[in-house]
Amino acid sequence: NFKTTHEIINNIDKLPNKILFTIH
């Protein structure tokens, strides 16, 4: 439940090792 890009960056260690990002 990350709203901002900063939150994703700050929680990078909590993410799995495979991710798909959709960017517009």
mmCIF file of all heavy atoms, coordinates in Angstrom:
data_MODEL
# 
_entry.id   MODEL 
# 
loop_
_atom_site.group_PDB 
_atom_site.id 
_atom_site.type_symbol 
_atom_site.label_atom_id 
_atom_site.label_alt_id 
_atom_site.label_comp_id 
_atom_site.label_asym_id 
_atom_site.label_entity_id 
_atom_site.label_seq_id 
_atom_site.pdbx_PDB_ins_code 
_atom_site.Cartn_x 
_atom_site.Cartn_y 
_atom_site.Cartn_z 
_atom_site.occupancy 
_atom_site.B_iso_or_equiv 
_atom_site.pdbx_formal_charge 
_atom_site.auth_seq_id 
_atom_site.auth_comp_id 
_atom_site.auth_asym_id 
_atom_site.auth_atom_id 
_atom_site.pdbx_PDB_model_num 
ATOM 1   N N   . ASN A 1 1  ? 0.839  -1.202  0.000   1.00 0.00 ? 1  ASN A N   1 
ATOM 2   C CA  . ASN A 1 1  ? 0.000  0.000   0.000   1.00 0.00 ? 1  ASN A CA  1 
ATOM 3   C C   . ASN A 1 1  ? 0.876  1.255   0.000   1.00 0.00 ? 1  ASN A C   1 
ATOM 4   O O   . ASN A 1 1  ? 0.787  2.094   0.887   1.00 0.00 ? 1  ASN A O   1 
ATOM 5   C CB  . ASN A 1 1  ? -0.934 -0.003  1.212   1.00 0.00 ? 1  ASN A CB  1 
ATOM 6   C CG  . ASN A 1 1  ? -1.964 1.111   1.129   1.00 0.00 ? 1  ASN A CG  1 
ATOM 7   O OD1 . ASN A 1 1  ? -2.424 1.483   0.039   1.00 0.00 ? 1  ASN A OD1 1 
ATOM 8   N ND2 . ASN A 1 1  ? -2.340 1.661   2.278   1.00 0.00 ? 1  ASN A ND2 1 
ATOM 9   N N   . PHE A 1 2  ? 1.715  1.357   -1.018  1.00 0.00 ? 2  PHE A N   1 
ATOM 10  C CA  . PHE A 1 2  ? 2.587  2.521   -1.146  1.00 0.00 ? 2  PHE A CA  1 
ATOM 11  C C   . PHE A 1 2  ? 1.937  3.532   -2.076  1.00 0.00 ? 2  PHE A C   1 
ATOM 12  O O   . PHE A 1 2  ? 1.641  3.223   -3.228  1.00 0.00 ? 2  PHE A O   1 
ATOM 13  C CB  . PHE A 1 2  ? 3.950  2.117   -1.718  1.00 0.00 ? 2  PHE A CB  1 
ATOM 14  C CG  . PHE A 1 2  ? 4.654  1.046   -0.927  1.00 0.00 ? 2  PHE A CG  1 
ATOM 15  C CD1 . PHE A 1 2  ? 5.279  -0.013  -1.574  1.00 0.00 ? 2  PHE A CD1 1 
ATOM 16  C CD2 . PHE A 1 2  ? 4.695  1.096   0.458   1.00 0.00 ? 2  PHE A CD2 1 
ATOM 17  C CE1 . PHE A 1 2  ? 5.928  -0.996  -0.853  1.00 0.00 ? 2  PHE A CE1 1 
ATOM 18  C CE2 . PHE A 1 2  ? 5.342  0.116   1.192   1.00 0.00 ? 2  PHE A CE2 1 
ATOM 19  C CZ  . PHE A 1 2  ? 5.963  -0.938  0.531   1.00 0.00 ? 2  PHE A CZ  1 
ATOM 20  N N   . LYS A 1 3  ? 1.740  4.730   -1.577  1.00 0.00 ? 3  LYS A N   1 
ATOM 21  C CA  . LYS A 1 3  ? 1.100  5.763   -2.397  1.00 0.00 ? 3  LYS A CA  1 
ATOM 22  C C   . LYS A 1 3  ? 2.114  6.475   -3.287  1.00 0.00 ? 3  LYS A C   1 
ATOM 23  O O   . LYS A 1 3  ? 1.844  6.733   -4.457  1.00 0.00 ? 3  LYS A O   1 
ATOM 24  C CB  . LYS A 1 3  ? 0.402  6.786   -1.493  1.00 0.00 ? 3  LYS A CB  1 
ATOM 25  C CG  . LYS A 1 3  ? -0.281 7.916   -2.257  1.00 0.00 ? 3  LYS A CG  1 
ATOM 26  C CD  . LYS A 1 3  ? -0.960 8.889   -1.313  1.00 0.00 ? 3  LYS A CD  1 
ATOM 27  C CE  . LYS A 1 3  ? -1.595 10.050  -2.081  1.00 0.00 ? 3  LYS A CE  1 
ATOM 28  N NZ  . LYS A 1 3  ? -2.248 11.026  -1.180  1.00 0.00 ? 3  LYS A NZ  1 
ATOM 29  N N   . THR A 1 4  ? 3.267  6.806   -2.742  1.00 0.00 ? 4  THR A N   1 
ATOM 30  C CA  . THR A 1 4  ? 4.237  7.629   -3.465  1.00 0.00 ? 4  THR A CA  1 
ATOM 31  C C   . THR A 1 4  ? 5.445  6.809   -3.903  1.00 0.00 ? 4  THR A C   1 
ATOM 32  O O   . THR A 1 4  ? 5.728  5.733   -3.362  1.00 0.00 ? 4  THR A O   1 
ATOM 33  C CB  . THR A 1 4  ? 4.729  8.792   -2.584  1.00 0.00 ? 4  THR A CB  1 
ATOM 34  O OG1 . THR A 1 4  ? 5.529  8.256   -1.520  1.00 0.00 ? 4  THR A OG1 1 
ATOM 35  C CG2 . THR A 1 4  ? 3.564  9.581   -2.010  1.00 0.00 ? 4  THR A CG2 1 
ATOM 36  N N   . THR A 1 5  ? 6.179  7.367   -4.853  1.00 0.00 ? 5  THR A N   1 
ATOM 37  C CA  . THR A 1 5  ? 7.417  6.734   -5.303  1.00 0.00 ? 5  THR A CA  1 
ATOM 38  C C   . THR A 1 5  ? 8.443  6.709   -4.182  1.00 0.00 ? 5  THR A C   1 
ATOM 39  O O   . THR A 1 5  ? 9.206  5.748   -4.041  1.00 0.00 ? 5  THR A O   1 
ATOM 40  C CB  . THR A 1 5  ? 7.977  7.486   -6.524  1.00 0.00 ? 5  THR A CB  1 
ATOM 41  O OG1 . THR A 1 5  ? 6.933  7.630   -7.508  1.00 0.00 ? 5  THR A OG1 1 
ATOM 42  C CG2 . THR A 1 5  ? 9.133  6.729   -7.142  1.00 0.00 ? 5  THR A CG2 1 
ATOM 43  N N   . HIS A 1 6  ? 8.458  7.759   -3.361  1.00 0.00 ? 6  HIS A N   1 
ATOM 44  C CA  . HIS A 1 6  ? 9.378  7.802   -2.211  1.00 0.00 ? 6  HIS A CA  1 
ATOM 45  C C   . HIS A 1 6  ? 9.128  6.626   -1.274  1.00 0.00 ? 6  HIS A C   1 
ATOM 46  O O   . HIS A 1 6  ? 10.079 6.044   -0.735  1.00 0.00 ? 6  HIS A O   1 
ATOM 47  C CB  . HIS A 1 6  ? 9.204  9.113   -1.445  1.00 0.00 ? 6  HIS A CB  1 
ATOM 48  C CG  . HIS A 1 6  ? 9.644  10.322  -2.200  1.00 0.00 ? 6  HIS A CG  1 
ATOM 49  N ND1 . HIS A 1 6  ? 10.970 10.634  -2.391  1.00 0.00 ? 6  HIS A ND1 1 
ATOM 50  C CD2 . HIS A 1 6  ? 8.937  11.294  -2.829  1.00 0.00 ? 6  HIS A CD2 1 
ATOM 51  C CE1 . HIS A 1 6  ? 11.066 11.754  -3.096  1.00 0.00 ? 6  HIS A CE1 1 
ATOM 52  N NE2 . HIS A 1 6  ? 9.844  12.177  -3.373  1.00 0.00 ? 6  HIS A NE2 1 
ATOM 53  N N   . GLU A 1 7  ? 7.871  6.267   -1.070  1.00 0.00 ? 7  GLU A N   1 
ATOM 54  C CA  . GLU A 1 7  ? 7.550  5.147   -0.175  1.00 0.00 ? 7  GLU A CA  1 
ATOM 55  C C   . GLU A 1 7  ? 8.076  3.835   -0.722  1.00 0.00 ? 7  GLU A C   1 
ATOM 56  O O   . GLU A 1 7  ? 8.542  2.972   0.032   1.00 0.00 ? 7  GLU A O   1 
ATOM 57  C CB  . GLU A 1 7  ? 6.034  5.069   0.039   1.00 0.00 ? 7  GLU A CB  1 
ATOM 58  C CG  . GLU A 1 7  ? 5.469  6.191   0.887   1.00 0.00 ? 7  GLU A CG  1 
ATOM 59  C CD  . GLU A 1 7  ? 3.962  6.088   1.047   1.00 0.00 ? 7  GLU A CD  1 
ATOM 60  O OE1 . GLU A 1 7  ? 3.461  4.995   1.376   1.00 0.00 ? 7  GLU A OE1 1 
ATOM 61  O OE2 . GLU A 1 7  ? 3.269  7.089   0.815   1.00 0.00 ? 7  GLU A OE2 1 
ATOM 62  N N   . ILE A 1 8  ? 7.997  3.666   -2.041  1.00 0.00 ? 8  ILE A N   1 
ATOM 63  C CA  . ILE A 1 8  ? 8.552  2.453   -2.647  1.00 0.00 ? 8  ILE A CA  1 
ATOM 64  C C   . ILE A 1 8  ? 10.059 2.402   -2.430  1.00 0.00 ? 8  ILE A C   1 
ATOM 65  O O   . ILE A 1 8  ? 10.611 1.370   -2.022  1.00 0.00 ? 8  ILE A O   1 
ATOM 66  C CB  . ILE A 1 8  ? 8.213  2.403   -4.153  1.00 0.00 ? 8  ILE A CB  1 
ATOM 67  C CG1 . ILE A 1 8  ? 6.713  2.210   -4.359  1.00 0.00 ? 8  ILE A CG1 1 
ATOM 68  C CG2 . ILE A 1 8  ? 8.991  1.271   -4.839  1.00 0.00 ? 8  ILE A CG2 1 
ATOM 69  C CD1 . ILE A 1 8  ? 6.283  2.231   -5.814  1.00 0.00 ? 8  ILE A CD1 1 
ATOM 70  N N   . ILE A 1 9  ? 10.718 3.514   -2.693  1.00 0.00 ? 9  ILE A N   1 
ATOM 71  C CA  . ILE A 1 9  ? 12.178 3.575   -2.516  1.00 0.00 ? 9  ILE A CA  1 
ATOM 72  C C   . ILE A 1 9  ? 12.568 3.286   -1.072  1.00 0.00 ? 9  ILE A C   1 
ATOM 73  O O   . ILE A 1 9  ? 13.486 2.498   -0.795  1.00 0.00 ? 9  ILE A O   1 
ATOM 74  C CB  . ILE A 1 9  ? 12.711 4.953   -2.946  1.00 0.00 ? 9  ILE A CB  1 
ATOM 75  C CG1 . ILE A 1 9  ? 12.502 5.165   -4.446  1.00 0.00 ? 9  ILE A CG1 1 
ATOM 76  C CG2 . ILE A 1 9  ? 14.185 5.106   -2.578  1.00 0.00 ? 9  ILE A CG2 1 
ATOM 77  C CD1 . ILE A 1 9  ? 12.784 6.584   -4.920  1.00 0.00 ? 9  ILE A CD1 1 
ATOM 78  N N   . ASN A 1 10 ? 11.853 3.897   -0.132  1.00 0.00 ? 10 ASN A N   1 
ATOM 79  C CA  . ASN A 1 10 ? 12.196 3.749   1.291   1.00 0.00 ? 10 ASN A CA  1 
ATOM 80  C C   . ASN A 1 10 ? 11.897 2.360   1.833   1.00 0.00 ? 10 ASN A C   1 
ATOM 81  O O   . ASN A 1 10 ? 12.422 1.976   2.892   1.00 0.00 ? 10 ASN A O   1 
ATOM 82  C CB  . ASN A 1 10 ? 11.446 4.793   2.117   1.00 0.00 ? 10 ASN A CB  1 
ATOM 83  C CG  . ASN A 1 10 ? 11.919 6.209   1.843   1.00 0.00 ? 10 ASN A CG  1 
ATOM 84  O OD1 . ASN A 1 10 ? 13.044 6.419   1.386   1.00 0.00 ? 10 ASN A OD1 1 
ATOM 85  N ND2 . ASN A 1 10 ? 11.067 7.194   2.095   1.00 0.00 ? 10 ASN A ND2 1 
ATOM 86  N N   . ASN A 1 11 ? 11.054 1.607   1.124   1.00 0.00 ? 11 ASN A N   1 
ATOM 87  C CA  . ASN A 1 11 ? 10.689 0.257   1.580   1.00 0.00 ? 11 ASN A CA  1 
ATOM 88  C C   . ASN A 1 11 ? 11.204 -0.821  0.638   1.00 0.00 ? 11 ASN A C   1 
ATOM 89  O O   . ASN A 1 11 ? 10.683 -1.933  0.622   1.00 0.00 ? 11 ASN A O   1 
ATOM 90  C CB  . ASN A 1 11 ? 9.166  0.155   1.709   1.00 0.00 ? 11 ASN A CB  1 
ATOM 91  C CG  . ASN A 1 11 ? 8.617  0.941   2.878   1.00 0.00 ? 11 ASN A CG  1 
ATOM 92  O OD1 . ASN A 1 11 ? 8.627  0.480   4.017   1.00 0.00 ? 11 ASN A OD1 1 
ATOM 93  N ND2 . ASN A 1 11 ? 8.141  2.149   2.593   1.00 0.00 ? 11 ASN A ND2 1 
ATOM 94  N N   . ILE A 1 12 ? 12.253 -0.503  -0.084  1.00 0.00 ? 12 ILE A N   1 
ATOM 95  C CA  . ILE A 1 12 ? 12.762 -1.425  -1.092  1.00 0.00 ? 12 ILE A CA  1 
ATOM 96  C C   . ILE A 1 12 ? 13.158 -2.785  -0.517  1.00 0.00 ? 12 ILE A C   1 
ATOM 97  O O   . ILE A 1 12 ? 13.012 -3.819  -1.165  1.00 0.00 ? 12 ILE A O   1 
ATOM 98  C CB  . ILE A 1 12 ? 13.940 -0.772  -1.863  1.00 0.00 ? 12 ILE A CB  1 
ATOM 99  C CG1 . ILE A 1 12 ? 14.244 -1.552  -3.134  1.00 0.00 ? 12 ILE A CG1 1 
ATOM 100 C CG2 . ILE A 1 12 ? 15.153 -0.611  -0.973  1.00 0.00 ? 12 ILE A CG2 1 
ATOM 101 C CD1 . ILE A 1 12 ? 15.209 -0.824  -4.065  1.00 0.00 ? 12 ILE A CD1 1 
ATOM 102 N N   . ASP A 1 13 ? 13.624 -2.798  0.736   1.00 0.00 ? 13 ASP A N   1 
ATOM 103 C CA  . ASP A 1 13 ? 14.044 -4.064  1.348   1.00 0.00 ? 13 ASP A CA  1 
ATOM 104 C C   . ASP A 1 13 ? 12.864 -4.975  1.686   1.00 0.00 ? 13 ASP A C   1 
ATOM 105 O O   . ASP A 1 13 ? 13.068 -6.156  1.981   1.00 0.00 ? 13 ASP A O   1 
ATOM 106 C CB  . ASP A 1 13 ? 14.859 -3.795  2.613   1.00 0.00 ? 13 ASP A CB  1 
ATOM 107 C CG  . ASP A 1 13 ? 16.228 -3.191  2.304   1.00 0.00 ? 13 ASP A CG  1 
ATOM 108 O OD1 . ASP A 1 13 ? 16.772 -3.495  1.225   1.00 0.00 ? 13 ASP A OD1 1 
ATOM 109 O OD2 . ASP A 1 13 ? 16.731 -2.402  3.119   1.00 0.00 ? 13 ASP A OD2 1 
ATOM 110 N N   . LYS A 1 14 ? 11.658 -4.437  1.657   1.00 0.00 ? 14 LYS A N   1 
ATOM 111 C CA  . LYS A 1 14 ? 10.467 -5.240  1.953   1.00 0.00 ? 14 LYS A CA  1 
ATOM 112 C C   . LYS A 1 14 ? 9.854  -5.859  0.688   1.00 0.00 ? 14 LYS A C   1 
ATOM 113 O O   . LYS A 1 14 ? 8.910  -6.650  0.785   1.00 0.00 ? 14 LYS A O   1 
ATOM 114 C CB  . LYS A 1 14 ? 9.411  -4.369  2.644   1.00 0.00 ? 14 LYS A CB  1 
ATOM 115 C CG  . LYS A 1 14 ? 9.858  -3.810  3.988   1.00 0.00 ? 14 LYS A CG  1 
ATOM 116 C CD  . LYS A 1 14 ? 8.781  -2.926  4.606   1.00 0.00 ? 14 LYS A CD  1 
ATOM 117 C CE  . LYS A 1 14 ? 9.238  -2.325  5.914   1.00 0.00 ? 14 LYS A CE  1 
ATOM 118 N NZ  . LYS A 1 14 ? 8.209  -1.424  6.514   1.00 0.00 ? 14 LYS A NZ  1 
ATOM 119 N N   . LEU A 1 15 ? 10.398 -5.509  -0.456  1.00 0.00 ? 15 LEU A N   1 
ATOM 120 C CA  . LEU A 1 15 ? 9.831  -5.963  -1.716  1.00 0.00 ? 15 LEU A CA  1 
ATOM 121 C C   . LEU A 1 15 ? 10.379 -7.334  -2.104  1.00 0.00 ? 15 LEU A C   1 
ATOM 122 O O   . LEU A 1 15 ? 11.505 -7.686  -1.754  1.00 0.00 ? 15 LEU A O   1 
ATOM 123 C CB  . LEU A 1 15 ? 10.137 -4.952  -2.823  1.00 0.00 ? 15 LEU A CB  1 
ATOM 124 C CG  . LEU A 1 15 ? 9.600  -3.535  -2.605  1.00 0.00 ? 15 LEU A CG  1 
ATOM 125 C CD1 . LEU A 1 15 ? 10.024 -2.624  -3.755  1.00 0.00 ? 15 LEU A CD1 1 
ATOM 126 C CD2 . LEU A 1 15 ? 8.083  -3.541  -2.470  1.00 0.00 ? 15 LEU A CD2 1 
ATOM 127 N N   . PRO A 1 16 ? 9.584  -8.116  -2.847  1.00 0.00 ? 16 PRO A N   1 
ATOM 128 C CA  . PRO A 1 16 ? 10.084 -9.410  -3.328  1.00 0.00 ? 16 PRO A CA  1 
ATOM 129 C C   . PRO A 1 16 ? 11.141 -9.211  -4.410  1.00 0.00 ? 16 PRO A C   1 
ATOM 130 O O   . PRO A 1 16 ? 11.382 -8.089  -4.872  1.00 0.00 ? 16 PRO A O   1 
ATOM 131 C CB  . PRO A 1 16 ? 8.824  -10.074 -3.888  1.00 0.00 ? 16 PRO A CB  1 
ATOM 132 C CG  . PRO A 1 16 ? 7.944  -8.937  -4.278  1.00 0.00 ? 16 PRO A CG  1 
ATOM 133 C CD  . PRO A 1 16 ? 8.202  -7.850  -3.272  1.00 0.00 ? 16 PRO A CD  1 
ATOM 134 N N   . ASN A 1 17 ? 11.758 -10.294 -4.834  1.00 0.00 ? 17 ASN A N   1 
ATOM 135 C CA  . ASN A 1 17 ? 12.848 -10.150 -5.802  1.00 0.00 ? 17 ASN A CA  1 
ATOM 136 C C   . ASN A 1 17 ? 12.378 -10.123 -7.251  1.00 0.00 ? 17 ASN A C   1 
ATOM 137 O O   . ASN A 1 17 ? 13.206 -10.020 -8.163  1.00 0.00 ? 17 ASN A O   1 
ATOM 138 C CB  . ASN A 1 17 ? 13.897 -11.259 -5.610  1.00 0.00 ? 17 ASN A CB  1 
ATOM 139 C CG  . ASN A 1 17 ? 13.326 -12.643 -5.895  1.00 0.00 ? 17 ASN A CG  1 
ATOM 140 O OD1 . ASN A 1 17 ? 12.142 -12.805 -6.144  1.00 0.00 ? 17 ASN A OD1 1 
ATOM 141 N ND2 . ASN A 1 17 ? 14.187 -13.640 -5.855  1.00 0.00 ? 17 ASN A ND2 1 
ATOM 142 N N   . LYS A 1 18 ? 11.062 -10.198 -7.460  1.00 0.00 ? 18 LYS A N   1 
ATOM 143 C CA  . LYS A 1 18 ? 10.528 -10.072 -8.816  1.00 0.00 ? 18 LYS A CA  1 
ATOM 144 C C   . LYS A 1 18 ? 9.369  -9.074  -8.809  1.00 0.00 ? 18 LYS A C   1 
ATOM 145 O O   . LYS A 1 18 ? 8.417  -9.231  -8.031  1.00 0.00 ? 18 LYS A O   1 
ATOM 146 C CB  . LYS A 1 18 ? 10.064 -11.424 -9.357  1.00 0.00 ? 18 LYS A CB  1 
ATOM 147 C CG  . LYS A 1 18 ? 11.214 -12.396 -9.598  1.00 0.00 ? 18 LYS A CG  1 
ATOM 148 C CD  . LYS A 1 18 ? 10.757 -13.656 -10.308 1.00 0.00 ? 18 LYS A CD  1 
ATOM 149 C CE  . LYS A 1 18 ? 11.947 -14.570 -10.585 1.00 0.00 ? 18 LYS A CE  1 
ATOM 150 N NZ  . LYS A 1 18 ? 11.547 -15.794 -11.307 1.00 0.00 ? 18 LYS A NZ  1 
ATOM 151 N N   . ILE A 1 19 ? 9.470  -8.076  -9.658  1.00 0.00 ? 19 ILE A N   1 
ATOM 152 C CA  . ILE A 1 19 ? 8.494  -6.983  -9.676  1.00 0.00 ? 19 ILE A CA  1 
ATOM 153 C C   . ILE A 1 19 ? 8.223  -6.564  -11.110 1.00 0.00 ? 19 ILE A C   1 
ATOM 154 O O   . ILE A 1 19 ? 9.140  -6.500  -11.937 1.00 0.00 ? 19 ILE A O   1 
ATOM 155 C CB  . ILE A 1 19 ? 8.999  -5.754  -8.893  1.00 0.00 ? 19 ILE A CB  1 
ATOM 156 C CG1 . ILE A 1 19 ? 9.474  -6.138  -7.491  1.00 0.00 ? 19 ILE A CG1 1 
ATOM 157 C CG2 . ILE A 1 19 ? 7.916  -4.674  -8.801  1.00 0.00 ? 19 ILE A CG2 1 
ATOM 158 C CD1 . ILE A 1 19 ? 10.252 -5.030  -6.782  1.00 0.00 ? 19 ILE A CD1 1 
ATOM 159 N N   . LEU A 1 20 ? 6.959  -6.274  -11.409 1.00 0.00 ? 20 LEU A N   1 
ATOM 160 C CA  . LEU A 1 20 ? 6.601  -5.623  -12.673 1.00 0.00 ? 20 LEU A CA  1 
ATOM 161 C C   . LEU A 1 20 ? 6.038  -4.245  -12.345 1.00 0.00 ? 20 LEU A C   1 
ATOM 162 O O   . LEU A 1 20 ? 5.077  -4.134  -11.597 1.00 0.00 ? 20 LEU A O   1 
ATOM 163 C CB  . LEU A 1 20 ? 5.580  -6.447  -13.462 1.00 0.00 ? 20 LEU A CB  1 
ATOM 164 C CG  . LEU A 1 20 ? 5.318  -5.991  -14.908 1.00 0.00 ? 20 LEU A CG  1 
ATOM 165 C CD1 . LEU A 1 20 ? 4.798  -7.162  -15.744 1.00 0.00 ? 20 LEU A CD1 1 
ATOM 166 C CD2 . LEU A 1 20 ? 4.322  -4.837  -15.006 1.00 0.00 ? 20 LEU A CD2 1 
ATOM 167 N N   . PHE A 1 21 ? 6.661  -3.217  -12.900 1.00 0.00 ? 21 PHE A N   1 
ATOM 168 C CA  . PHE A 1 21 ? 6.184  -1.847  -12.744 1.00 0.00 ? 21 PHE A CA  1 
ATOM 169 C C   . PHE A 1 21 ? 5.540  -1.395  -14.062 1.00 0.00 ? 21 PHE A C   1 
ATOM 170 O O   . PHE A 1 21 ? 6.143  -1.530  -15.125 1.00 0.00 ? 21 PHE A O   1 
ATOM 171 C CB  . PHE A 1 21 ? 7.333  -0.887  -12.415 1.00 0.00 ? 21 PHE A CB  1 
ATOM 172 C CG  . PHE A 1 21 ? 7.862  -1.006  -11.019 1.00 0.00 ? 21 PHE A CG  1 
ATOM 173 C CD1 . PHE A 1 21 ? 9.067  -1.643  -10.780 1.00 0.00 ? 21 PHE A CD1 1 
ATOM 174 C CD2 . PHE A 1 21 ? 7.164  -0.466  -9.939  1.00 0.00 ? 21 PHE A CD2 1 
ATOM 175 C CE1 . PHE A 1 21 ? 9.582  -1.751  -9.499  1.00 0.00 ? 21 PHE A CE1 1 
ATOM 176 C CE2 . PHE A 1 21 ? 7.663  -0.576  -8.650  1.00 0.00 ? 21 PHE A CE2 1 
ATOM 177 C CZ  . PHE A 1 21 ? 8.866  -1.218  -8.426  1.00 0.00 ? 21 PHE A CZ  1 
ATOM 178 N N   . THR A 1 22 ? 4.319  -0.852  -13.965 1.00 0.00 ? 22 THR A N   1 
ATOM 179 C CA  . THR A 1 22 ? 3.692  -0.216  -15.124 1.00 0.00 ? 22 THR A CA  1 
ATOM 180 C C   . THR A 1 22 ? 3.809  1.288   -14.967 1.00 0.00 ? 22 THR A C   1 
ATOM 181 O O   . THR A 1 22 ? 3.335  1.863   -13.989 1.00 0.00 ? 22 THR A O   1 
ATOM 182 C CB  . THR A 1 22 ? 2.215  -0.620  -15.253 1.00 0.00 ? 22 THR A CB  1 
ATOM 183 O OG1 . THR A 1 22 ? 2.147  -2.005  -15.599 1.00 0.00 ? 22 THR A OG1 1 
ATOM 184 C CG2 . THR A 1 22 ? 1.533  0.177   -16.351 1.00 0.00 ? 22 THR A CG2 1 
ATOM 185 N N   . ILE A 1 23 ? 4.458  1.903   -15.947 1.00 0.00 ? 23 ILE A N   1 
ATOM 186 C CA  . ILE A 1 23 ? 4.723  3.330   -15.942 1.00 0.00 ? 23 ILE A CA  1 
ATOM 187 C C   . ILE A 1 23 ? 3.954  3.984   -17.088 1.00 0.00 ? 23 ILE A C   1 
ATOM 188 O O   . ILE A 1 23 ? 3.978  3.498   -18.221 1.00 0.00 ? 23 ILE A O   1 
ATOM 189 C CB  . ILE A 1 23 ? 6.236  3.607   -16.153 1.00 0.00 ? 23 ILE A CB  1 
ATOM 190 C CG1 . ILE A 1 23 ? 7.097  2.788   -15.179 1.00 0.00 ? 23 ILE A CG1 1 
ATOM 191 C CG2 . ILE A 1 23 ? 6.526  5.098   -16.077 1.00 0.00 ? 23 ILE A CG2 1 
ATOM 192 C CD1 . ILE A 1 23 ? 6.989  3.191   -13.743 1.00 0.00 ? 23 ILE A CD1 1 
ATOM 193 N N   . HIS A 1 24 ? 3.267  5.083   -16.798 1.00 0.00 ? 24 HIS A N   1 
ATOM 194 C CA  . HIS A 1 24 ? 2.624  5.888   -17.839 1.00 0.00 ? 24 HIS A CA  1 
ATOM 195 C C   . HIS A 1 24 ? 3.474  7.148   -18.033 1.00 0.00 ? 24 HIS A C   1 
ATOM 196 O O   . HIS A 1 24 ? 3.424  8.056   -17.185 1.00 0.00 ? 24 HIS A O   1 
ATOM 197 C CB  . HIS A 1 24 ? 1.196  6.253   -17.437 1.00 0.00 ? 24 HIS A CB  1 
ATOM 198 C CG  . HIS A 1 24 ? 0.275  5.066   -17.370 1.00 0.00 ? 24 HIS A CG  1 
ATOM 199 N ND1 . HIS A 1 24 ? 0.209  4.259   -16.266 1.00 0.00 ? 24 HIS A ND1 1 
ATOM 200 C CD2 . HIS A 1 24 ? -0.601 4.564   -18.281 1.00 0.00 ? 24 HIS A CD2 1 
ATOM 201 C CE1 . HIS A 1 24 ? -0.680 3.286   -16.485 1.00 0.00 ? 24 HIS A CE1 1 
ATOM 202 N NE2 . HIS A 1 24 ? -1.175 3.450   -17.706 1.00 0.00 ? 24 HIS A NE2 1 
# 
